[in-house]
Amino acid sequence: IEMRSRAICADARFLYLEQSMWVKGTCAGHALYRTAVTDENGIVSTDRVLAEILPDGPRADMPDWVAAWAAAEDKRPWPPMPDVAGSI
């Protein structure tokens, strides 16, 4: 199994990362996730994070498919699964 990972882009709060698993040249799984860096004050801005890890690096625009996923994710209830009532 070959695992491939890459940072795709960032918005003001989150870094968007992609991972896939490949078996004999065929994609066996794929995930998109967003993550944040935190400190004692909460979420650290991605401008600050990227300034530390990529001070002169280019900033990628958010692809449409990632923006659509992020918009849908923003509609998801948080915290997730606050209780089990209504589960199937």
N, C-alpha and C. Protein backbone atom coordinates (compact mmCIF):
# COMPACT_ATOMS: atom_id res chain seq x y z
N ILE A 1 0.85 -1.17 0.00
CA ILE A 1 0.00 0.00 0.00
C ILE A 1 0.90 1.23 0.00
N GLU A 2 0.59 2.14 -0.89
CA GLU A 2 1.29 3.43 -0.94
C GLU A 2 0.33 4.50 -0.44
N MET A 3 0.76 5.27 0.53
CA MET A 3 -0.04 6.37 1.06
C MET A 3 0.49 7.66 0.48
N ARG A 4 -0.41 8.47 -0.10
CA ARG A 4 -0.04 9.77 -0.63
C ARG A 4 -0.79 10.84 0.16
N SER A 5 -0.08 11.89 0.55
CA SER A 5 -0.67 12.98 1.32
C SER A 5 -0.19 14.30 0.75
N ARG A 6 -1.08 15.30 0.78
CA ARG A 6 -0.67 16.63 0.36
C ARG A 6 -1.59 17.67 0.98
N ALA A 7 -1.01 18.84 1.22
CA ALA A 7 -1.80 20.00 1.62
C ALA A 7 -2.31 20.64 0.34
N ILE A 8 -3.62 20.90 0.27
CA ILE A 8 -4.21 21.44 -0.94
C ILE A 8 -4.27 22.96 -0.89
N CYS A 9 -4.79 23.50 0.22
CA CYS A 9 -5.00 24.94 0.32
C CYS A 9 -5.32 25.28 1.77
N ALA A 10 -5.63 26.54 1.99
CA ALA A 10 -6.00 27.01 3.33
C ALA A 10 -7.01 28.14 3.20
N ASP A 11 -7.84 28.28 4.23
CA ASP A 11 -8.65 29.48 4.35
C ASP A 11 -8.19 30.19 5.62
N ALA A 12 -8.96 31.07 6.17
CA ALA A 12 -8.50 31.85 7.33
C ALA A 12 -8.25 31.00 8.57
N ARG A 13 -8.99 29.86 8.70
CA ARG A 13 -8.88 29.04 9.91
C ARG A 13 -8.30 27.66 9.69
N PHE A 14 -8.53 27.07 8.52
CA PHE A 14 -8.22 25.66 8.33
C PHE A 14 -7.23 25.41 7.20
N LEU A 15 -6.46 24.34 7.37
CA LEU A 15 -5.64 23.77 6.32
C LEU A 15 -6.43 22.59 5.75
N TYR A 16 -6.47 22.45 4.44
CA TYR A 16 -7.20 21.37 3.78
C TYR A 16 -6.19 20.38 3.24
N LEU A 17 -6.33 19.14 3.68
CA LEU A 17 -5.38 18.08 3.36
C LEU A 17 -6.09 16.94 2.66
N GLU A 18 -5.34 16.25 1.82
CA GLU A 18 -5.88 15.13 1.06
C GLU A 18 -4.96 13.94 1.25
N GLN A 19 -5.55 12.77 1.43
CA GLN A 19 -4.78 11.54 1.53
C GLN A 19 -5.45 10.46 0.69
N SER A 20 -4.62 9.65 0.08
CA SER A 20 -5.15 8.52 -0.68
C SER A 20 -4.25 7.31 -0.46
N MET A 21 -4.86 6.13 -0.60
CA MET A 21 -4.13 4.87 -0.49
C MET A 21 -4.19 4.18 -1.85
N TRP A 22 -3.05 3.70 -2.29
CA TRP A 22 -2.94 3.07 -3.61
C TRP A 22 -2.41 1.65 -3.45
N VAL A 23 -3.06 0.72 -4.13
CA VAL A 23 -2.64 -0.68 -4.13
C VAL A 23 -2.42 -1.10 -5.58
N LYS A 24 -1.21 -1.44 -5.90
CA LYS A 24 -0.86 -1.88 -7.26
C LYS A 24 -1.36 -0.90 -8.32
N GLY A 25 -1.17 0.40 -8.05
CA GLY A 25 -1.52 1.43 -9.02
C GLY A 25 -2.99 1.83 -9.04
N THR A 26 -3.82 1.23 -8.18
CA THR A 26 -5.23 1.56 -8.13
C THR A 26 -5.56 2.25 -6.81
N CYS A 27 -6.32 3.33 -6.90
CA CYS A 27 -6.71 4.05 -5.69
C CYS A 27 -7.71 3.21 -4.90
N ALA A 28 -7.37 2.91 -3.65
CA ALA A 28 -8.21 2.07 -2.80
C ALA A 28 -8.98 2.90 -1.76
N GLY A 29 -8.64 4.15 -1.61
CA GLY A 29 -9.33 5.00 -0.64
C GLY A 29 -8.83 6.42 -0.75
N HIS A 30 -9.72 7.35 -0.45
CA HIS A 30 -9.37 8.76 -0.56
C HIS A 30 -10.10 9.54 0.53
N ALA A 31 -9.43 10.50 1.13
CA ALA A 31 -10.04 11.33 2.17
C ALA A 31 -9.60 12.77 2.01
N LEU A 32 -10.53 13.67 2.26
CA LEU A 32 -10.25 15.10 2.34
C LEU A 32 -10.58 15.50 3.78
N TYR A 33 -9.69 16.23 4.40
CA TYR A 33 -10.00 16.70 5.74
C TYR A 33 -9.42 18.08 5.95
N ARG A 34 -9.99 18.75 6.93
CA ARG A 34 -9.46 20.05 7.29
C ARG A 34 -9.01 19.98 8.74
N THR A 35 -7.98 20.72 9.01
CA THR A 35 -7.41 20.70 10.34
C THR A 35 -6.98 22.11 10.71
N ALA A 36 -6.87 22.35 11.98
CA ALA A 36 -6.45 23.66 12.47
C ALA A 36 -5.32 23.49 13.48
N VAL A 37 -4.50 24.50 13.57
CA VAL A 37 -3.48 24.57 14.60
C VAL A 37 -4.05 25.42 15.72
N THR A 38 -3.88 24.98 16.94
CA THR A 38 -4.41 25.72 18.09
C THR A 38 -3.29 26.07 19.07
N ASP A 39 -3.55 27.08 19.85
CA ASP A 39 -2.69 27.41 20.99
C ASP A 39 -3.60 27.72 22.17
N GLU A 40 -3.07 28.29 23.21
CA GLU A 40 -3.87 28.56 24.40
C GLU A 40 -5.02 29.54 24.15
N ASN A 41 -4.97 30.26 23.03
CA ASN A 41 -6.02 31.23 22.70
C ASN A 41 -7.03 30.70 21.69
N GLY A 42 -6.89 29.46 21.27
CA GLY A 42 -7.81 28.88 20.29
C GLY A 42 -7.13 28.63 18.96
N ILE A 43 -7.90 28.76 17.87
CA ILE A 43 -7.37 28.49 16.53
C ILE A 43 -6.38 29.57 16.12
N VAL A 44 -5.22 29.14 15.64
CA VAL A 44 -4.19 30.05 15.13
C VAL A 44 -4.50 30.30 13.66
N SER A 45 -4.43 31.56 13.20
CA SER A 45 -4.74 31.86 11.81
C SER A 45 -3.78 31.12 10.88
N THR A 46 -4.30 30.72 9.75
CA THR A 46 -3.44 30.01 8.79
C THR A 46 -2.37 30.93 8.22
N ASP A 47 -2.62 32.24 8.19
CA ASP A 47 -1.57 33.16 7.76
C ASP A 47 -0.35 33.03 8.66
N ARG A 48 -0.59 32.94 9.95
CA ARG A 48 0.51 32.80 10.91
C ARG A 48 1.19 31.44 10.77
N VAL A 49 0.39 30.38 10.63
CA VAL A 49 0.95 29.03 10.49
C VAL A 49 1.79 28.95 9.22
N LEU A 50 1.23 29.39 8.09
CA LEU A 50 1.94 29.29 6.82
C LEU A 50 3.18 30.18 6.78
N ALA A 51 3.15 31.30 7.48
CA ALA A 51 4.34 32.16 7.56
C ALA A 51 5.50 31.43 8.23
N GLU A 52 5.16 30.52 9.14
CA GLU A 52 6.21 29.74 9.83
C GLU A 52 6.72 28.58 8.98
N ILE A 53 5.81 27.88 8.29
CA ILE A 53 6.25 26.67 7.58
C ILE A 53 6.55 26.90 6.10
N LEU A 54 6.01 27.97 5.52
CA LEU A 54 6.23 28.28 4.10
C LEU A 54 6.39 29.79 3.95
N PRO A 55 7.42 30.37 4.52
CA PRO A 55 7.50 31.83 4.55
C PRO A 55 7.48 32.49 3.17
N ASP A 56 8.07 31.87 2.19
CA ASP A 56 8.12 32.45 0.84
C ASP A 56 7.34 31.63 -0.17
N GLY A 57 6.62 30.64 0.32
CA GLY A 57 5.92 29.73 -0.58
C GLY A 57 4.66 30.32 -1.17
N PRO A 58 4.27 29.79 -2.32
CA PRO A 58 3.02 30.26 -2.94
C PRO A 58 1.81 29.75 -2.17
N ARG A 59 0.73 30.48 -2.22
CA ARG A 59 -0.52 30.07 -1.60
C ARG A 59 -1.47 29.63 -2.71
N ALA A 60 -1.93 28.41 -2.62
CA ALA A 60 -2.83 27.87 -3.64
C ALA A 60 -4.25 28.35 -3.43
N ASP A 61 -4.94 28.62 -4.53
CA ASP A 61 -6.37 28.92 -4.45
C ASP A 61 -7.12 27.66 -4.08
N MET A 62 -8.27 27.83 -3.44
CA MET A 62 -9.09 26.68 -3.06
C MET A 62 -9.82 26.16 -4.29
N PRO A 63 -9.61 24.88 -4.64
CA PRO A 63 -10.35 24.32 -5.78
C PRO A 63 -11.85 24.31 -5.49
N ASP A 64 -12.65 24.39 -6.55
CA ASP A 64 -14.11 24.42 -6.39
C ASP A 64 -14.63 23.23 -5.60
N TRP A 65 -14.08 22.04 -5.85
CA TRP A 65 -14.60 20.85 -5.17
C TRP A 65 -14.31 20.89 -3.68
N VAL A 66 -13.19 21.51 -3.29
CA VAL A 66 -12.88 21.65 -1.87
C VAL A 66 -13.79 22.71 -1.25
N ALA A 67 -14.02 23.81 -1.96
CA ALA A 67 -14.90 24.86 -1.46
C ALA A 67 -16.31 24.32 -1.25
N ALA A 68 -16.80 23.49 -2.16
CA ALA A 68 -18.14 22.91 -2.02
C ALA A 68 -18.21 22.00 -0.79
N TRP A 69 -17.18 21.20 -0.58
CA TRP A 69 -17.13 20.33 0.59
C TRP A 69 -17.07 21.16 1.87
N ALA A 70 -16.26 22.21 1.89
CA ALA A 70 -16.14 23.05 3.08
C ALA A 70 -17.47 23.74 3.40
N ALA A 71 -18.18 24.18 2.38
CA ALA A 71 -19.48 24.82 2.59
C ALA A 71 -20.47 23.82 3.19
N ALA A 72 -20.46 22.59 2.69
CA ALA A 72 -21.33 21.55 3.25
C ALA A 72 -20.92 21.22 4.69
N GLU A 73 -19.65 21.15 4.94
CA GLU A 73 -19.14 20.84 6.28
C GLU A 73 -19.55 21.93 7.28
N ASP A 74 -19.62 23.18 6.82
CA ASP A 74 -20.03 24.28 7.70
C ASP A 74 -21.49 24.16 8.14
N LYS A 75 -22.29 23.38 7.42
CA LYS A 75 -23.70 23.18 7.76
C LYS A 75 -23.90 22.01 8.73
N ARG A 76 -22.86 21.20 8.93
CA ARG A 76 -22.96 20.02 9.78
C ARG A 76 -23.10 20.45 11.24
N PRO A 77 -24.00 19.80 12.00
CA PRO A 77 -24.14 20.15 13.42
C PRO A 77 -22.82 19.94 14.17
N TRP A 78 -22.56 20.83 15.09
CA TRP A 78 -21.36 20.71 15.92
C TRP A 78 -21.73 21.05 17.35
N PRO A 79 -21.35 20.27 18.31
CA PRO A 79 -20.52 19.07 18.20
C PRO A 79 -21.29 17.93 17.53
N PRO A 80 -20.54 17.03 16.91
CA PRO A 80 -21.20 15.91 16.25
C PRO A 80 -21.80 14.94 17.25
N MET A 81 -22.89 14.31 16.87
CA MET A 81 -23.55 13.29 17.67
C MET A 81 -23.71 13.66 19.13
N PRO A 82 -24.39 14.80 19.44
CA PRO A 82 -24.53 15.20 20.85
C PRO A 82 -25.29 14.18 21.69
N ASP A 83 -26.16 13.39 21.06
CA ASP A 83 -26.83 12.29 21.74
C ASP A 83 -27.19 11.24 20.70
N VAL A 84 -27.70 10.14 21.13
CA VAL A 84 -28.00 9.07 20.19
C VAL A 84 -29.49 9.01 19.83
N ALA A 85 -30.31 9.91 20.37
CA ALA A 85 -31.73 9.93 20.04
C ALA A 85 -31.90 10.17 18.55
N GLY A 86 -32.78 9.45 17.95
CA GLY A 86 -33.04 9.60 16.53
C GLY A 86 -32.12 8.80 15.65
N SER A 87 -31.24 8.01 16.22
CA SER A 87 -30.36 7.16 15.42
C SER A 87 -31.13 5.97 14.87
N ILE A 88 -30.64 5.43 13.78
CA ILE A 88 -31.31 4.26 13.20
C ILE A 88 -30.81 2.99 13.84
